């Protein structure tokens, strides 16, 4: 049986799942291209830039960071620019660095929620197609009356199960890709936090520590990345 016949037998839900599968593939390919182009895993510039700062060569550090496409480099560059500006307080510096970092993270997370929605909705749509297919099969069985043919029921069942199988086929790779892409974003977020704290600490503008009233513990303010 051809693929076209399978889609025809599966009903309109199969068409919806096909559209979702194409959309999922498009999102995955677009995010892979974006991540590769941004060089998310490239962090070899961090230590040279920090070394340049410790040597008092701020311009050299900025030049090293400007040559990189990584979002970590963009946040570090913002931290250096704010750090060397005596007019910016620690709070202003933290707010600006957080703004830049949040914008970069939002850009990396774009369309990931859509991919997650496809991964979660596809099995449900497949189940819906199976239920409606089973209803149709039993209706045909009822119409047959006393002339019951087992092939009517068995044929209706396998046709109905097509949607569940296709829904899972769409959902499993989409969910796997979503978790992998989300893990890459989390890796970048952690790298941003680590590198910016090191830069701001050098300039004496690291995030302030505040005392919480709930448990009398000292913890960092977290307003950004």
N, C-alpha and C. Protein backbone atom coordinates (compact mmCIF):
# COMPACT_ATOMS: atom_id res chain seq x y z
N UNK A 1 0.85 -1.20 0.00
CA UNK A 1 0.00 0.00 0.00
C UNK A 1 0.89 1.26 0.00
N UNK A 2 0.54 2.20 -0.83
CA UNK A 2 1.35 3.40 -0.96
C UNK A 2 1.09 4.35 0.20
N UNK A 3 2.00 5.32 0.33
CA UNK A 3 1.86 6.30 1.39
C UNK A 3 0.61 7.15 1.19
N UNK A 4 0.31 7.46 -0.07
CA UNK A 4 -0.90 8.25 -0.36
C UNK A 4 -2.14 7.51 0.10
N UNK A 5 -2.18 6.21 -0.12
CA UNK A 5 -3.33 5.41 0.31
C UNK A 5 -3.46 5.40 1.83
N UNK A 6 -2.32 5.32 2.51
CA UNK A 6 -2.35 5.34 3.97
C UNK A 6 -2.92 6.65 4.50
N UNK A 7 -2.54 7.75 3.86
CA UNK A 7 -3.07 9.04 4.30
C UNK A 7 -4.56 9.15 4.00
N UNK A 8 -4.98 8.61 2.88
CA UNK A 8 -6.39 8.64 2.55
C UNK A 8 -7.21 7.80 3.53
N UNK A 9 -6.67 6.65 3.92
CA UNK A 9 -7.38 5.78 4.84
C UNK A 9 -7.38 6.36 6.25
N UNK A 10 -6.34 7.10 6.61
CA UNK A 10 -6.26 7.65 7.96
C UNK A 10 -7.18 8.83 8.21
N UNK A 11 -7.65 9.47 7.15
CA UNK A 11 -8.60 10.55 7.32
C UNK A 11 -7.94 11.92 7.44
N UNK A 12 -8.73 12.95 7.73
CA UNK A 12 -8.21 14.33 7.77
C UNK A 12 -7.18 14.57 8.88
N UNK A 13 -7.24 13.79 9.95
CA UNK A 13 -6.26 13.97 11.03
C UNK A 13 -4.85 13.71 10.51
N UNK A 14 -4.72 12.79 9.56
CA UNK A 14 -3.40 12.49 8.99
C UNK A 14 -2.83 13.71 8.27
N UNK A 15 -3.70 14.47 7.62
CA UNK A 15 -3.25 15.69 6.93
C UNK A 15 -2.76 16.71 7.93
N UNK A 16 -3.50 16.86 9.03
CA UNK A 16 -3.08 17.80 10.08
C UNK A 16 -1.72 17.39 10.66
N UNK A 17 -1.56 16.09 10.91
CA UNK A 17 -0.29 15.61 11.45
C UNK A 17 0.85 15.79 10.44
N UNK A 18 0.54 15.64 9.17
CA UNK A 18 1.56 15.86 8.15
C UNK A 18 2.02 17.32 8.15
N UNK A 19 1.07 18.24 8.27
CA UNK A 19 1.42 19.66 8.33
C UNK A 19 2.28 19.94 9.56
N UNK A 20 1.92 19.35 10.70
CA UNK A 20 2.71 19.55 11.92
C UNK A 20 4.11 18.97 11.79
N UNK A 21 4.21 17.83 11.11
CA UNK A 21 5.54 17.22 10.94
C UNK A 21 6.44 18.11 10.06
N UNK A 22 5.88 18.68 9.01
CA UNK A 22 6.65 19.58 8.15
C UNK A 22 7.08 20.82 8.94
N UNK A 23 6.17 21.35 9.75
CA UNK A 23 6.49 22.52 10.56
C UNK A 23 7.58 22.19 11.59
N UNK A 24 7.50 21.01 12.19
CA UNK A 24 8.51 20.61 13.17
C UNK A 24 9.89 20.49 12.52
N UNK A 25 9.94 19.88 11.36
CA UNK A 25 11.22 19.75 10.65
C UNK A 25 11.78 21.12 10.30
N UNK A 26 10.91 22.02 9.86
CA UNK A 26 11.36 23.37 9.51
C UNK A 26 11.93 24.09 10.73
N UNK A 27 11.26 23.97 11.88
CA UNK A 27 11.75 24.62 13.11
C UNK A 27 13.10 24.05 13.51
N UNK A 28 13.22 22.72 13.48
CA UNK A 28 14.47 22.07 13.89
C UNK A 28 15.62 22.51 12.99
N UNK A 29 15.40 22.51 11.69
CA UNK A 29 16.47 22.91 10.76
C UNK A 29 16.84 24.38 10.95
N UNK A 30 15.83 25.22 11.15
CA UNK A 30 16.11 26.65 11.35
C UNK A 30 16.90 26.89 12.63
N UNK A 31 16.55 26.18 13.71
CA UNK A 31 17.27 26.36 14.97
C UNK A 31 18.69 25.79 14.87
N UNK A 32 18.85 24.67 14.19
CA UNK A 32 20.20 24.13 14.01
C UNK A 32 21.09 25.10 13.25
N UNK A 33 20.54 25.70 12.20
CA UNK A 33 21.29 26.68 11.43
C UNK A 33 21.64 27.89 12.30
N UNK A 34 20.67 28.35 13.07
CA UNK A 34 20.92 29.50 13.96
C UNK A 34 21.99 29.18 14.99
N UNK A 35 21.91 28.00 15.60
CA UNK A 35 22.87 27.64 16.64
C UNK A 35 24.27 27.46 16.07
N UNK A 36 24.34 26.82 14.91
CA UNK A 36 25.66 26.64 14.29
C UNK A 36 26.26 27.97 13.87
N UNK A 37 25.44 28.84 13.32
CA UNK A 37 25.91 30.15 12.87
C UNK A 37 26.36 31.01 14.05
N UNK A 38 25.70 30.83 15.20
CA UNK A 38 26.06 31.62 16.39
C UNK A 38 27.27 31.08 17.12
N UNK A 39 27.68 29.86 16.79
CA UNK A 39 28.84 29.28 17.45
C UNK A 39 28.64 29.13 18.95
N UNK A 40 27.53 28.50 19.34
CA UNK A 40 27.20 28.41 20.76
C UNK A 40 28.24 27.65 21.57
N UNK A 41 28.85 26.66 20.96
CA UNK A 41 29.80 25.84 21.70
C UNK A 41 31.22 26.41 21.69
N UNK A 42 31.41 27.53 21.03
CA UNK A 42 32.74 28.15 20.97
C UNK A 42 32.92 29.07 22.18
N UNK A 43 33.83 28.70 23.06
CA UNK A 43 34.07 29.51 24.25
C UNK A 43 35.56 29.79 24.46
N UNK A 44 36.35 29.53 23.42
CA UNK A 44 37.79 29.71 23.56
C UNK A 44 38.20 31.17 23.71
N UNK A 45 37.29 32.09 23.44
CA UNK A 45 37.61 33.52 23.53
C UNK A 45 37.46 34.06 24.95
N UNK A 46 36.81 33.32 25.83
CA UNK A 46 36.50 33.83 27.16
C UNK A 46 37.78 34.10 27.96
N UNK A 47 38.64 33.11 28.07
CA UNK A 47 39.85 33.27 28.87
C UNK A 47 40.79 34.33 28.31
N UNK A 48 41.05 34.38 26.98
CA UNK A 48 41.89 35.47 26.46
C UNK A 48 41.31 36.85 26.75
N UNK A 49 39.99 36.98 26.64
CA UNK A 49 39.37 38.29 26.92
C UNK A 49 39.53 38.66 28.39
N UNK A 50 39.34 37.71 29.28
CA UNK A 50 39.51 37.98 30.70
C UNK A 50 40.96 38.29 31.04
N UNK A 51 41.87 37.58 30.38
CA UNK A 51 43.30 37.85 30.61
C UNK A 51 43.66 39.26 30.17
N UNK A 52 43.09 39.69 29.03
CA UNK A 52 43.35 41.05 28.55
C UNK A 52 42.83 42.08 29.54
N UNK A 53 41.67 41.81 30.15
CA UNK A 53 41.14 42.73 31.16
C UNK A 53 42.05 42.81 32.37
N UNK A 54 42.52 41.67 32.83
CA UNK A 54 43.39 41.66 34.00
C UNK A 54 44.74 42.35 33.71
N UNK A 55 45.12 42.37 32.43
CA UNK A 55 46.35 43.07 32.05
C UNK A 55 46.11 44.56 31.82
N UNK A 56 44.87 45.00 32.01
CA UNK A 56 44.54 46.41 31.81
C UNK A 56 44.31 46.79 30.37
N UNK A 57 44.21 45.82 29.46
CA UNK A 57 44.02 46.09 28.04
C UNK A 57 42.53 45.94 27.69
N UNK A 58 41.75 46.91 28.10
CA UNK A 58 40.30 46.84 27.87
C UNK A 58 39.94 46.85 26.39
N UNK A 59 40.64 47.67 25.61
CA UNK A 59 40.35 47.74 24.18
C UNK A 59 40.65 46.42 23.48
N UNK A 60 41.72 45.76 23.91
CA UNK A 60 42.05 44.47 23.33
C UNK A 60 40.97 43.44 23.66
N UNK A 61 40.48 43.48 24.88
CA UNK A 61 39.40 42.56 25.26
C UNK A 61 38.15 42.82 24.42
N UNK A 62 37.80 44.09 24.22
CA UNK A 62 36.63 44.41 23.41
C UNK A 62 36.81 43.97 21.96
N UNK A 63 38.02 44.11 21.44
CA UNK A 63 38.29 43.69 20.07
C UNK A 63 38.15 42.19 19.92
N UNK A 64 38.65 41.45 20.90
CA UNK A 64 38.51 39.99 20.87
C UNK A 64 37.04 39.58 20.89
N UNK A 65 36.25 40.26 21.70
CA UNK A 65 34.83 39.91 21.82
C UNK A 65 34.05 40.31 20.58
N UNK A 66 34.41 41.44 19.97
CA UNK A 66 33.70 41.88 18.76
C UNK A 66 33.90 40.92 17.59
N UNK A 67 34.97 40.17 17.61
CA UNK A 67 35.25 39.24 16.51
C UNK A 67 34.42 37.95 16.61
N UNK A 68 33.71 37.77 17.70
CA UNK A 68 32.96 36.54 17.92
C UNK A 68 31.47 36.75 17.62
N UNK A 69 30.83 35.68 17.19
CA UNK A 69 29.38 35.71 16.96
C UNK A 69 28.58 35.18 18.13
N UNK A 70 29.26 34.57 19.07
CA UNK A 70 28.58 33.92 20.19
C UNK A 70 27.78 34.93 21.01
N UNK A 71 26.58 34.56 21.47
CA UNK A 71 25.82 35.45 22.35
C UNK A 71 26.55 35.69 23.67
N UNK A 72 27.38 34.74 24.09
CA UNK A 72 28.18 34.96 25.30
C UNK A 72 29.12 36.14 25.11
N UNK A 73 29.71 36.24 23.91
CA UNK A 73 30.61 37.35 23.62
C UNK A 73 29.87 38.68 23.64
N UNK A 74 28.61 38.68 23.14
CA UNK A 74 27.85 39.92 23.14
C UNK A 74 27.55 40.39 24.57
N UNK A 75 27.24 39.47 25.44
CA UNK A 75 26.95 39.84 26.82
C UNK A 75 28.22 40.27 27.54
N UNK A 76 29.32 39.58 27.29
CA UNK A 76 30.60 39.99 27.88
C UNK A 76 31.00 41.37 27.40
N UNK A 77 30.78 41.64 26.10
CA UNK A 77 31.10 42.96 25.56
C UNK A 77 30.29 44.05 26.26
N UNK A 78 29.01 43.77 26.49
CA UNK A 78 28.18 44.72 27.21
C UNK A 78 28.69 44.93 28.63
N UNK A 79 29.12 43.85 29.27
CA UNK A 79 29.63 43.95 30.64
C UNK A 79 30.91 44.79 30.69
N UNK A 80 31.78 44.61 29.71
CA UNK A 80 33.03 45.38 29.67
C UNK A 80 32.73 46.86 29.45
N UNK A 81 31.84 47.16 28.50
CA UNK A 81 31.53 48.55 28.21
C UNK A 81 30.91 49.24 29.44
N UNK A 82 30.02 48.53 30.12
CA UNK A 82 29.41 49.11 31.31
C UNK A 82 30.42 49.20 32.46
N UNK A 83 31.33 48.22 32.51
CA UNK A 83 32.31 48.21 33.58
C UNK A 83 33.29 49.36 33.51
N UNK A 84 33.69 49.74 32.31
CA UNK A 84 34.67 50.82 32.16
C UNK A 84 34.03 52.20 32.26
N UNK A 85 32.69 52.24 32.25
CA UNK A 85 32.00 53.53 32.33
C UNK A 85 31.82 53.90 33.80
N UNK A 86 32.53 54.90 34.29
CA UNK A 86 32.43 55.27 35.71
C UNK A 86 31.07 55.85 36.07
N UNK A 87 30.31 56.29 35.07
CA UNK A 87 29.01 56.91 35.36
C UNK A 87 27.95 55.86 35.68
N UNK A 88 28.22 54.60 35.36
CA UNK A 88 27.23 53.54 35.58
C UNK A 88 27.50 52.86 36.92
N UNK A 89 26.46 52.82 37.74
CA UNK A 89 26.58 52.16 39.04
C UNK A 89 26.49 50.65 38.85
N UNK A 90 26.71 49.92 39.93
CA UNK A 90 26.62 48.46 39.87
C UNK A 90 25.22 48.02 39.48
N UNK A 91 24.21 48.72 40.02
CA UNK A 91 22.82 48.36 39.69
C UNK A 91 22.51 48.63 38.22
N UNK A 92 22.97 49.78 37.70
CA UNK A 92 22.74 50.10 36.29
C UNK A 92 23.46 49.11 35.39
N UNK A 93 24.66 48.76 35.77
CA UNK A 93 25.44 47.81 34.98
C UNK A 93 24.75 46.46 34.95
N UNK A 94 24.29 46.01 36.11
CA UNK A 94 23.60 44.72 36.17
C UNK A 94 22.34 44.73 35.32
N UNK A 95 21.59 45.82 35.37
CA UNK A 95 20.35 45.93 34.60
C UNK A 95 20.63 45.88 33.10
N UNK A 96 21.66 46.60 32.66
CA UNK A 96 21.99 46.63 31.24
C UNK A 96 22.48 45.28 30.74
N UNK A 97 23.36 44.65 31.51
CA UNK A 97 23.86 43.34 31.12
C UNK A 97 22.72 42.32 31.10
N UNK A 98 21.83 42.41 32.06
CA UNK A 98 20.67 41.51 32.09
C UNK A 98 19.78 41.73 30.88
N UNK A 99 19.61 42.99 30.48
CA UNK A 99 18.77 43.29 29.31
C UNK A 99 19.36 42.67 28.06
N UNK A 100 20.66 42.84 27.87
CA UNK A 100 21.32 42.28 26.67
C UNK A 100 21.25 40.75 26.70
N UNK A 101 21.54 40.16 27.86
CA UNK A 101 21.51 38.71 27.97
C UNK A 101 20.13 38.14 27.74
N UNK A 102 19.11 38.79 28.31
CA UNK A 102 17.74 38.31 28.13
C UNK A 102 17.31 38.37 26.67
N UNK A 103 17.73 39.41 25.97
CA UNK A 103 17.39 39.53 24.55
C UNK A 103 18.02 38.40 23.74
N UNK A 104 19.28 38.05 24.07
CA UNK A 104 19.95 36.97 23.36
C UNK A 104 19.31 35.63 23.66
N UNK A 105 18.91 35.41 24.90
CA UNK A 105 18.26 34.15 25.27
C UNK A 105 16.90 34.03 24.59
N UNK A 106 16.15 35.13 24.56
CA UNK A 106 14.85 35.10 23.89
C UNK A 106 15.00 34.76 22.41
N UNK A 107 16.05 35.27 21.79
CA UNK A 107 16.30 34.97 20.39
C UNK A 107 16.60 33.48 20.19
N UNK A 108 17.38 32.91 21.11
CA UNK A 108 17.70 31.49 21.01
C UNK A 108 16.48 30.61 21.29
N UNK A 109 15.60 31.08 22.15
CA UNK A 109 14.42 30.28 22.52
C UNK A 109 13.25 30.45 21.56
N UNK A 110 13.39 31.34 20.59
CA UNK A 110 12.29 31.56 19.65
C UNK A 110 11.93 30.27 18.92
N UNK A 111 10.64 30.00 18.81
CA UNK A 111 10.08 28.83 18.14
C UNK A 111 10.23 27.53 18.92
N UNK A 112 10.97 27.53 20.02
CA UNK A 112 11.09 26.29 20.79
C UNK A 112 9.75 25.91 21.43
N UNK A 113 9.00 26.91 21.85
CA UNK A 113 7.69 26.62 22.43
C UNK A 113 6.76 26.00 21.38
N UNK A 114 6.87 26.47 20.13
CA UNK A 114 6.08 25.87 19.07
C UNK A 114 6.45 24.42 18.83
N UNK A 115 7.75 24.12 18.89
CA UNK A 115 8.20 22.74 18.72
C UNK A 115 7.69 21.87 19.87
N UNK A 116 7.71 22.41 21.08
CA UNK A 116 7.18 21.68 22.23
C UNK A 116 5.68 21.42 22.07
N UNK A 117 4.95 22.41 21.57
CA UNK A 117 3.51 22.24 21.36
C UNK A 117 3.23 21.14 20.34
N UNK A 118 4.02 21.09 19.28
CA UNK A 118 3.84 20.04 18.27
C UNK A 118 4.09 18.67 18.90
N UNK A 119 5.15 18.56 19.70
CA UNK A 119 5.49 17.28 20.34
C UNK A 119 4.38 16.81 21.28
N UNK A 120 3.71 17.75 21.95
CA UNK A 120 2.66 17.37 22.89
C UNK A 120 1.31 17.15 22.21
N UNK A 121 1.04 17.89 21.14
CA UNK A 121 -0.26 17.79 20.49
C UNK A 121 -0.36 16.61 19.53
N UNK A 122 0.75 16.23 18.93
CA UNK A 122 0.70 15.16 17.92
C UNK A 122 0.12 13.85 18.45
N UNK A 123 0.56 13.34 19.61
CA UNK A 123 -0.06 12.10 20.11
C UNK A 123 -1.55 12.26 20.41
N UNK A 124 -1.94 13.46 20.89
CA UNK A 124 -3.35 13.68 21.19
C UNK A 124 -4.18 13.69 19.91
N UNK A 125 -3.64 14.31 18.87
CA UNK A 125 -4.35 14.29 17.59
C UNK A 125 -4.43 12.88 17.04
N UNK A 126 -3.33 12.12 17.20
CA UNK A 126 -3.35 10.73 16.75
C UNK A 126 -4.39 9.92 17.50
N UNK A 127 -4.50 10.15 18.80
CA UNK A 127 -5.52 9.46 19.59
C UNK A 127 -6.92 9.86 19.16
N UNK A 128 -7.09 11.15 18.87
CA UNK A 128 -8.39 11.62 18.40
C UNK A 128 -8.76 10.92 17.09
N UNK A 129 -7.79 10.81 16.19
CA UNK A 129 -8.06 10.12 14.93
C UNK A 129 -8.42 8.67 15.14
N UNK A 130 -7.76 8.02 16.11
CA UNK A 130 -8.07 6.62 16.40
C UNK A 130 -9.48 6.48 16.95
N UNK A 131 -9.87 7.36 17.86
CA UNK A 131 -11.21 7.29 18.44
C UNK A 131 -12.28 7.50 17.38
N UNK A 132 -12.10 8.53 16.55
CA UNK A 132 -13.09 8.78 15.50
C UNK A 132 -13.12 7.64 14.48
N UNK A 133 -11.96 7.05 14.21
CA UNK A 133 -11.92 5.91 13.29
C UNK A 133 -12.63 4.69 13.86
N UNK A 134 -12.45 4.46 15.17
CA UNK A 134 -13.14 3.34 15.81
C UNK A 134 -14.66 3.56 15.81
N UNK A 135 -15.06 4.80 16.04
CA UNK A 135 -16.49 5.10 16.00
C UNK A 135 -17.05 4.79 14.62
N UNK A 136 -16.32 5.21 13.58
CA UNK A 136 -16.78 4.94 12.21
C UNK A 136 -16.83 3.45 11.93
N UNK A 137 -15.84 2.70 12.44
CA UNK A 137 -15.81 1.25 12.21
C UNK A 137 -17.01 0.57 12.86
N UNK A 138 -17.34 0.94 14.08
CA UNK A 138 -18.47 0.33 14.76
C UNK A 138 -19.80 0.77 14.13
N UNK A 139 -19.84 1.97 13.59
CA UNK A 139 -21.05 2.38 12.88
C UNK A 139 -21.26 1.53 11.64
N UNK A 140 -20.18 1.24 10.90
CA UNK A 140 -20.30 0.36 9.73
C UNK A 140 -20.70 -1.04 10.15
N UNK A 141 -20.18 -1.49 11.31
CA UNK A 141 -20.53 -2.81 11.81
C UNK A 141 -22.01 -2.88 12.18
N UNK A 142 -22.52 -1.78 12.74
CA UNK A 142 -23.95 -1.75 13.10
C UNK A 142 -24.82 -1.74 11.86
N UNK A 143 -24.38 -1.01 10.83
CA UNK A 143 -25.15 -0.95 9.60
C UNK A 143 -25.22 -2.30 8.90
N UNK A 144 -24.20 -3.13 9.13
CA UNK A 144 -24.19 -4.45 8.49
C UNK A 144 -25.26 -5.36 9.07
N UNK A 145 -25.70 -5.07 10.30
CA UNK A 145 -26.76 -5.87 10.92
C UNK A 145 -26.32 -7.29 11.17
N UNK A 146 -27.19 -8.22 10.76
CA UNK A 146 -26.90 -9.64 10.99
C UNK A 146 -25.83 -10.17 10.04
N UNK A 147 -25.56 -9.46 8.98
CA UNK A 147 -24.54 -9.88 8.01
C UNK A 147 -23.18 -9.34 8.44
N UNK A 148 -22.74 -9.77 9.63
CA UNK A 148 -21.50 -9.26 10.20
C UNK A 148 -20.30 -9.88 9.50
N UNK A 149 -19.42 -9.04 9.04
CA UNK A 149 -18.18 -9.49 8.41
C UNK A 149 -17.02 -9.02 9.28
N UNK A 150 -16.23 -9.96 9.84
CA UNK A 150 -15.12 -9.54 10.71
C UNK A 150 -14.14 -8.59 10.04
N UNK A 151 -14.06 -8.64 8.73
CA UNK A 151 -13.12 -7.76 8.03
C UNK A 151 -13.53 -6.29 8.15
N UNK A 152 -14.84 -6.06 8.36
CA UNK A 152 -15.28 -4.67 8.52
C UNK A 152 -14.67 -4.06 9.78
N UNK A 153 -14.74 -4.84 10.88
CA UNK A 153 -14.21 -4.34 12.14
C UNK A 153 -12.69 -4.29 12.14
N UNK A 154 -12.04 -5.36 11.66
CA UNK A 154 -10.58 -5.39 11.66
C UNK A 154 -10.00 -4.33 10.75
N UNK A 155 -10.62 -4.12 9.59
CA UNK A 155 -10.14 -3.09 8.67
C UNK A 155 -10.29 -1.71 9.26
N UNK A 156 -11.43 -1.48 9.94
CA UNK A 156 -11.64 -0.18 10.56
C UNK A 156 -10.66 0.09 11.69
N UNK A 157 -10.30 -0.96 12.42
CA UNK A 157 -9.38 -0.78 13.54
C UNK A 157 -7.99 -0.39 13.05
N UNK A 158 -7.46 -1.11 12.06
CA UNK A 158 -6.09 -0.77 11.63
C UNK A 158 -6.04 0.59 10.94
N UNK A 159 -7.15 0.93 10.27
CA UNK A 159 -7.18 2.26 9.69
C UNK A 159 -7.17 3.34 10.78
N UNK A 160 -7.89 3.07 11.87
CA UNK A 160 -7.94 4.05 12.95
C UNK A 160 -6.60 4.17 13.65
N UNK A 161 -5.90 3.05 13.81
CA UNK A 161 -4.62 3.09 14.50
C UNK A 161 -3.52 3.79 13.71
N UNK A 162 -3.75 4.02 12.44
CA UNK A 162 -2.76 4.74 11.62
C UNK A 162 -2.46 6.12 12.20
N UNK A 163 -3.49 6.81 12.66
CA UNK A 163 -3.29 8.16 13.17
C UNK A 163 -2.45 8.16 14.45
N UNK A 164 -2.69 7.17 15.32
CA UNK A 164 -1.89 7.09 16.54
C UNK A 164 -0.43 6.83 16.22
N UNK A 165 -0.20 5.90 15.29
CA UNK A 165 1.18 5.59 14.91
C UNK A 165 1.87 6.80 14.30
N UNK A 166 1.18 7.52 13.44
CA UNK A 166 1.78 8.69 12.80
C UNK A 166 1.98 9.82 13.81
N UNK A 167 1.03 9.97 14.75
CA UNK A 167 1.18 10.99 15.77
C UNK A 167 2.40 10.75 16.64
N UNK A 168 2.64 9.50 17.01
CA UNK A 168 3.83 9.18 17.80
C UNK A 168 5.10 9.36 16.96
N UNK A 169 5.02 9.06 15.67
CA UNK A 169 6.17 9.24 14.79
C UNK A 169 6.57 10.71 14.70
N UNK A 170 5.59 11.60 14.74
CA UNK A 170 5.88 13.03 14.72
C UNK A 170 6.37 13.51 16.09
N UNK A 171 5.74 13.01 17.15
CA UNK A 171 6.00 13.52 18.50
C UNK A 171 7.37 13.14 19.03
N UNK A 172 7.79 11.89 18.82
CA UNK A 172 9.04 11.42 19.45
C UNK A 172 10.25 12.21 18.98
N UNK A 173 10.50 12.35 17.67
CA UNK A 173 11.65 13.16 17.26
C UNK A 173 11.52 14.64 17.64
N UNK A 174 10.29 15.16 17.59
CA UNK A 174 10.09 16.56 17.94
C UNK A 174 10.41 16.79 19.41
N UNK A 175 9.99 15.88 20.27
CA UNK A 175 10.28 16.03 21.70
C UNK A 175 11.78 15.89 21.97
N UNK A 176 12.42 14.91 21.31
CA UNK A 176 13.87 14.76 21.49
C UNK A 176 14.63 15.99 21.04
N UNK A 177 14.25 16.55 19.90
CA UNK A 177 14.91 17.76 19.40
C UNK A 177 14.67 18.94 20.33
N UNK A 178 13.46 19.04 20.86
CA UNK A 178 13.16 20.14 21.77
C UNK A 178 14.04 20.11 23.01
N UNK A 179 14.18 18.94 23.62
CA UNK A 179 14.98 18.84 24.84
C UNK A 179 16.46 19.09 24.54
N UNK A 180 16.93 18.65 23.38
CA UNK A 180 18.33 18.91 23.04
C UNK A 180 18.57 20.40 22.81
N UNK A 181 17.69 21.03 22.07
CA UNK A 181 17.84 22.46 21.80
C UNK A 181 17.71 23.27 23.09
N UNK A 182 16.78 22.88 23.95
CA UNK A 182 16.62 23.57 25.23
C UNK A 182 17.88 23.41 26.09
N UNK A 183 18.50 22.23 26.03
CA UNK A 183 19.74 22.02 26.77
C UNK A 183 20.86 22.93 26.28
N UNK A 184 20.92 23.15 24.96
CA UNK A 184 21.92 24.06 24.42
C UNK A 184 21.70 25.49 24.91
N UNK A 185 20.43 25.90 24.98
CA UNK A 185 20.13 27.24 25.49
C UNK A 185 20.52 27.36 26.96
N UNK A 186 20.24 26.33 27.74
CA UNK A 186 20.63 26.35 29.16
C UNK A 186 22.15 26.43 29.31
N UNK A 187 22.87 25.74 28.43
CA UNK A 187 24.33 25.80 28.47
C UNK A 187 24.82 27.23 28.20
N UNK A 188 24.21 27.89 27.23
CA UNK A 188 24.58 29.27 26.91
C UNK A 188 24.23 30.20 28.07
N UNK A 189 23.06 29.99 28.68
CA UNK A 189 22.65 30.82 29.81
C UNK A 189 23.65 30.71 30.96
N UNK A 190 24.09 29.49 31.26
CA UNK A 190 25.07 29.30 32.33
C UNK A 190 26.41 29.94 31.98
N UNK A 191 26.83 29.83 30.71
CA UNK A 191 28.08 30.44 30.29
C UNK A 191 28.01 31.96 30.38
N UNK A 192 26.86 32.53 30.02
CA UNK A 192 26.67 33.97 30.14
C UNK A 192 26.82 34.43 31.58
N UNK A 193 26.15 33.74 32.49
CA UNK A 193 26.20 34.12 33.89
C UNK A 193 27.62 34.04 34.43
N UNK A 194 28.31 32.95 34.12
CA UNK A 194 29.67 32.76 34.64
C UNK A 194 30.62 33.84 34.11
N UNK A 195 30.58 34.08 32.81
CA UNK A 195 31.52 35.03 32.22
C UNK A 195 31.25 36.47 32.65
N UNK A 196 29.96 36.85 32.72
CA UNK A 196 29.65 38.23 33.09
C UNK A 196 29.97 38.51 34.56
N UNK A 197 29.74 37.53 35.42
CA UNK A 197 30.10 37.72 36.83
C UNK A 197 31.61 37.93 36.97
N UNK A 198 32.39 37.19 36.21
CA UNK A 198 33.85 37.34 36.27
C UNK A 198 34.28 38.71 35.75
N UNK A 199 33.62 39.20 34.70
CA UNK A 199 33.95 40.52 34.17
C UNK A 199 33.58 41.61 35.16
N UNK A 200 32.35 41.54 35.68
CA UNK A 200 31.88 42.58 36.59
C UNK A 200 32.64 42.55 37.91
N UNK A 201 33.07 41.39 38.33
CA UNK A 201 33.87 41.31 39.55
C UNK A 201 35.21 42.03 39.37
N UNK A 202 35.75 41.95 38.16
CA UNK A 202 37.01 42.64 37.89
C UNK A 202 36.84 44.15 38.03
N UNK A 203 35.68 44.65 37.57
CA UNK A 203 35.43 46.09 37.65
C UNK A 203 34.81 46.50 38.99
N UNK A 204 34.62 45.56 39.89
CA UNK A 204 34.01 45.87 41.18
C UNK A 204 32.54 46.18 41.08
N UNK A 205 31.86 45.65 40.05
CA UNK A 205 30.43 45.90 39.87
C UNK A 205 29.65 44.60 39.81
N UNK A 206 30.11 43.60 40.52
CA UNK A 206 29.41 42.32 40.53
C UNK A 206 28.07 42.48 41.24
N UNK A 207 27.09 41.56 40.94
CA UNK A 207 25.76 41.68 41.57
C UNK A 207 25.87 41.72 43.09
N UNK A 208 25.10 42.64 43.69
CA UNK A 208 25.15 42.81 45.14
C UNK A 208 24.56 41.60 45.84
N UNK A 209 24.99 41.39 47.07
CA UNK A 209 24.47 40.31 47.88
C UNK A 209 23.52 40.91 48.91
N UNK A 210 22.38 40.29 49.03
CA UNK A 210 21.37 40.82 49.93
C UNK A 210 20.97 39.73 50.92
N UNK A 211 20.47 40.16 52.08
CA UNK A 211 20.03 39.23 53.10
C UNK A 211 18.54 39.04 53.02
N UNK A 212 18.11 37.78 52.93
CA UNK A 212 16.68 37.47 52.85
C UNK A 212 16.12 37.40 54.25
N UNK A 213 14.88 37.82 54.42
CA UNK A 213 14.26 37.82 55.73
C UNK A 213 13.67 36.46 56.09
N UNK A 214 13.42 35.62 55.07
CA UNK A 214 12.75 34.35 55.33
C UNK A 214 13.61 33.38 56.11
N UNK A 215 14.86 33.19 55.68
CA UNK A 215 15.69 32.19 56.32
C UNK A 215 17.04 32.74 56.75
N UNK A 216 17.17 34.11 56.74
CA UNK A 216 18.40 34.75 57.21
C UNK A 216 19.64 34.23 56.48
N UNK A 217 19.48 33.91 55.21
CA UNK A 217 20.62 33.47 54.43
C UNK A 217 21.02 34.58 53.50
N UNK A 218 22.30 34.55 53.08
CA UNK A 218 22.80 35.52 52.11
C UNK A 218 22.75 34.87 50.74
N UNK A 219 22.11 35.53 49.80
CA UNK A 219 22.05 34.99 48.46
C UNK A 219 22.10 36.12 47.44
N UNK A 220 22.46 35.75 46.23
CA UNK A 220 22.63 36.73 45.17
C UNK A 220 21.30 37.19 44.64
N UNK A 221 21.22 38.47 44.28
CA UNK A 221 20.06 38.97 43.56
C UNK A 221 20.06 38.37 42.18
N UNK A 222 18.91 37.94 41.74
CA UNK A 222 18.82 37.34 40.40
C UNK A 222 17.76 38.07 39.61
N UNK A 223 18.21 39.05 38.85
CA UNK A 223 17.27 39.83 38.03
C UNK A 223 17.51 39.62 36.56
N UNK A 224 18.46 38.81 36.20
CA UNK A 224 18.80 38.76 34.78
C UNK A 224 18.92 37.39 34.24
N UNK A 225 20.11 37.07 33.77
CA UNK A 225 20.34 35.88 32.98
C UNK A 225 20.07 34.65 33.82
